[in-house]
């Protein structure tokens, strides 16, 4: 699936990437988006001002 990813606190690392679909056995749910928006926090993360990746990961998927 397509996802917007970023390396937190690194300006210029926002990418649209193909990533594996979430595993429902781990409690994830996949939904079909009808409308999407960007919030102020997403902008701050993309600018390298805020955010962190999940434990053991280098990238953060925006909107999760």
N, C-alpha and C. Protein backbone atom coordinates (compact mmCIF):
# COMPACT_ATOMS: atom_id res chain seq x y z
N UNK A 1 0.84 -1.17 0.00
CA UNK A 1 0.00 0.00 0.00
C UNK A 1 0.89 1.24 0.00
N UNK A 2 0.35 2.35 -0.42
CA UNK A 2 1.07 3.62 -0.44
C UNK A 2 0.96 4.30 0.92
N UNK A 3 2.06 4.93 1.35
CA UNK A 3 2.06 5.65 2.62
C UNK A 3 3.04 6.80 2.54
N UNK A 4 2.74 7.86 3.27
CA UNK A 4 3.66 8.99 3.40
C UNK A 4 4.53 8.69 4.61
N UNK A 5 5.85 8.64 4.39
CA UNK A 5 6.78 8.34 5.48
C UNK A 5 7.77 9.49 5.65
N UNK A 6 8.40 9.53 6.81
CA UNK A 6 9.40 10.55 7.12
C UNK A 6 10.37 9.99 8.14
N UNK A 7 11.62 10.43 8.06
CA UNK A 7 12.58 10.16 9.12
C UNK A 7 12.44 11.31 10.11
N UNK A 8 11.88 11.05 11.28
CA UNK A 8 11.62 12.14 12.23
C UNK A 8 12.86 12.97 12.52
N UNK A 9 12.63 14.27 12.65
CA UNK A 9 13.64 15.29 12.98
C UNK A 9 14.69 15.45 11.90
N UNK A 10 14.37 15.00 10.64
CA UNK A 10 15.28 15.20 9.51
C UNK A 10 14.51 15.86 8.37
N UNK A 11 14.78 17.12 8.13
CA UNK A 11 14.13 17.88 7.08
C UNK A 11 14.44 17.25 5.71
N UNK A 12 13.44 17.22 4.83
CA UNK A 12 13.64 16.73 3.47
C UNK A 12 13.56 15.23 3.30
N UNK A 13 13.01 14.51 4.28
CA UNK A 13 12.95 13.05 4.19
C UNK A 13 11.55 12.51 3.92
N UNK A 14 10.58 13.39 3.66
CA UNK A 14 9.21 12.95 3.39
C UNK A 14 9.18 12.21 2.05
N UNK A 15 8.56 11.04 2.03
CA UNK A 15 8.48 10.21 0.82
C UNK A 15 7.11 9.55 0.74
N UNK A 16 6.68 9.26 -0.49
CA UNK A 16 5.53 8.40 -0.72
C UNK A 16 6.11 7.03 -1.07
N UNK A 17 5.85 6.04 -0.23
CA UNK A 17 6.47 4.73 -0.38
C UNK A 17 5.42 3.62 -0.42
N UNK A 18 5.79 2.50 -1.01
CA UNK A 18 5.02 1.27 -0.89
C UNK A 18 5.48 0.57 0.37
N UNK A 19 4.53 0.29 1.28
CA UNK A 19 4.84 -0.44 2.51
C UNK A 19 3.89 -1.61 2.63
N UNK A 20 4.27 -2.63 3.42
CA UNK A 20 3.37 -3.77 3.60
C UNK A 20 2.07 -3.36 4.29
N UNK A 21 0.98 -4.02 3.95
CA UNK A 21 -0.29 -3.76 4.65
C UNK A 21 -0.16 -4.18 6.10
N UNK A 22 -0.87 -3.51 7.00
CA UNK A 22 -0.78 -3.85 8.42
C UNK A 22 -1.29 -5.27 8.68
N UNK A 23 -0.70 -5.89 9.69
CA UNK A 23 -1.07 -7.25 10.07
C UNK A 23 -2.22 -7.20 11.08
N UNK A 24 -3.38 -7.71 10.70
CA UNK A 24 -4.54 -7.67 11.60
C UNK A 24 -4.30 -8.48 12.86
N UNK A 25 -3.39 -9.44 12.82
CA UNK A 25 -3.08 -10.23 14.02
C UNK A 25 -2.37 -9.39 15.07
N UNK A 26 -1.82 -8.25 14.66
CA UNK A 26 -1.14 -7.35 15.60
C UNK A 26 -2.05 -6.20 16.03
N UNK A 27 -3.33 -6.29 15.68
CA UNK A 27 -4.30 -5.29 16.11
C UNK A 27 -4.50 -4.15 15.13
N UNK A 28 -3.86 -4.20 13.97
CA UNK A 28 -4.02 -3.13 12.98
C UNK A 28 -5.28 -3.32 12.18
N UNK A 29 -5.80 -2.22 11.69
CA UNK A 29 -7.00 -2.22 10.86
C UNK A 29 -6.70 -1.40 9.61
N UNK A 30 -7.03 -1.93 8.45
CA UNK A 30 -6.85 -1.22 7.20
C UNK A 30 -8.19 -0.68 6.76
N UNK A 31 -8.24 0.62 6.47
CA UNK A 31 -9.48 1.26 6.02
C UNK A 31 -9.24 1.96 4.69
N UNK A 32 -10.30 2.18 3.95
CA UNK A 32 -10.20 2.93 2.71
C UNK A 32 -10.54 4.38 3.00
N UNK A 33 -9.62 5.27 2.68
CA UNK A 33 -9.84 6.69 2.94
C UNK A 33 -10.69 7.30 1.83
N UNK A 34 -11.62 8.12 2.23
CA UNK A 34 -12.45 8.84 1.27
C UNK A 34 -11.93 10.27 1.14
N UNK A 35 -11.51 10.84 2.25
CA UNK A 35 -10.97 12.20 2.29
C UNK A 35 -9.74 12.17 3.18
N UNK A 36 -8.74 12.93 2.82
CA UNK A 36 -7.53 13.03 3.64
C UNK A 36 -7.19 14.50 3.84
N UNK A 37 -6.51 14.78 4.93
CA UNK A 37 -6.10 16.15 5.23
C UNK A 37 -4.75 16.11 5.92
N UNK A 38 -4.13 17.25 5.98
CA UNK A 38 -2.85 17.40 6.68
C UNK A 38 -3.09 18.29 7.88
N UNK A 39 -2.70 17.83 9.05
CA UNK A 39 -2.87 18.65 10.25
C UNK A 39 -1.55 19.37 10.56
N UNK A 40 -1.61 20.28 11.50
CA UNK A 40 -0.43 21.04 11.87
C UNK A 40 0.71 20.18 12.37
N UNK A 41 0.39 19.10 13.07
CA UNK A 41 1.43 18.19 13.56
C UNK A 41 2.15 17.53 12.40
N UNK A 42 1.42 17.11 11.36
CA UNK A 42 2.05 16.51 10.18
C UNK A 42 3.04 17.49 9.55
N UNK A 43 2.68 18.76 9.48
CA UNK A 43 3.56 19.78 8.91
C UNK A 43 4.82 19.90 9.76
N UNK A 44 4.67 19.95 11.09
CA UNK A 44 5.84 20.04 11.97
C UNK A 44 6.75 18.83 11.83
N UNK A 45 6.16 17.64 11.70
CA UNK A 45 6.96 16.42 11.51
C UNK A 45 7.71 16.49 10.18
N UNK A 46 7.04 16.90 9.12
CA UNK A 46 7.66 17.00 7.80
C UNK A 46 8.79 18.04 7.79
N UNK A 47 8.66 19.08 8.60
CA UNK A 47 9.69 20.12 8.69
C UNK A 47 10.84 19.72 9.60
N UNK A 48 10.77 18.52 10.20
CA UNK A 48 11.85 18.06 11.06
C UNK A 48 11.82 18.62 12.46
N UNK A 49 10.70 19.21 12.86
CA UNK A 49 10.60 19.86 14.17
C UNK A 49 10.08 18.95 15.27
N UNK A 50 9.50 17.81 14.90
CA UNK A 50 8.78 17.01 15.89
C UNK A 50 8.69 15.57 15.40
N UNK A 51 8.41 14.65 16.30
CA UNK A 51 8.10 13.27 15.94
C UNK A 51 9.18 12.28 16.29
N UNK A 52 8.79 11.02 16.29
CA UNK A 52 9.71 9.91 16.53
C UNK A 52 9.16 8.68 15.84
N UNK A 53 10.05 7.78 15.47
CA UNK A 53 9.66 6.53 14.82
C UNK A 53 9.30 5.50 15.89
N UNK A 54 8.50 4.50 15.53
CA UNK A 54 8.20 3.43 16.48
C UNK A 54 9.49 2.70 16.89
N UNK A 55 9.49 2.05 18.04
CA UNK A 55 10.67 1.32 18.49
C UNK A 55 11.17 0.35 17.41
N UNK A 56 12.46 0.39 17.14
CA UNK A 56 13.07 -0.50 16.16
C UNK A 56 12.94 -0.05 14.72
N UNK A 57 12.32 1.10 14.47
CA UNK A 57 12.11 1.60 13.11
C UNK A 57 12.84 2.93 12.93
N UNK A 58 13.14 3.27 11.66
CA UNK A 58 13.79 4.55 11.38
C UNK A 58 12.83 5.54 10.78
N UNK A 59 11.68 5.06 10.26
CA UNK A 59 10.72 5.92 9.60
C UNK A 59 9.39 5.92 10.36
N UNK A 60 8.68 7.03 10.23
CA UNK A 60 7.34 7.18 10.80
C UNK A 60 6.37 7.27 9.64
N UNK A 61 5.26 6.55 9.71
CA UNK A 61 4.20 6.64 8.70
C UNK A 61 3.22 7.70 9.19
N UNK A 62 3.07 8.77 8.41
CA UNK A 62 2.14 9.84 8.81
C UNK A 62 0.70 9.34 8.72
N UNK A 63 -0.12 9.81 9.62
CA UNK A 63 -1.53 9.45 9.63
C UNK A 63 -1.85 8.20 10.42
N UNK A 64 -0.85 7.65 11.11
CA UNK A 64 -1.12 6.44 11.90
C UNK A 64 -1.22 6.77 13.35
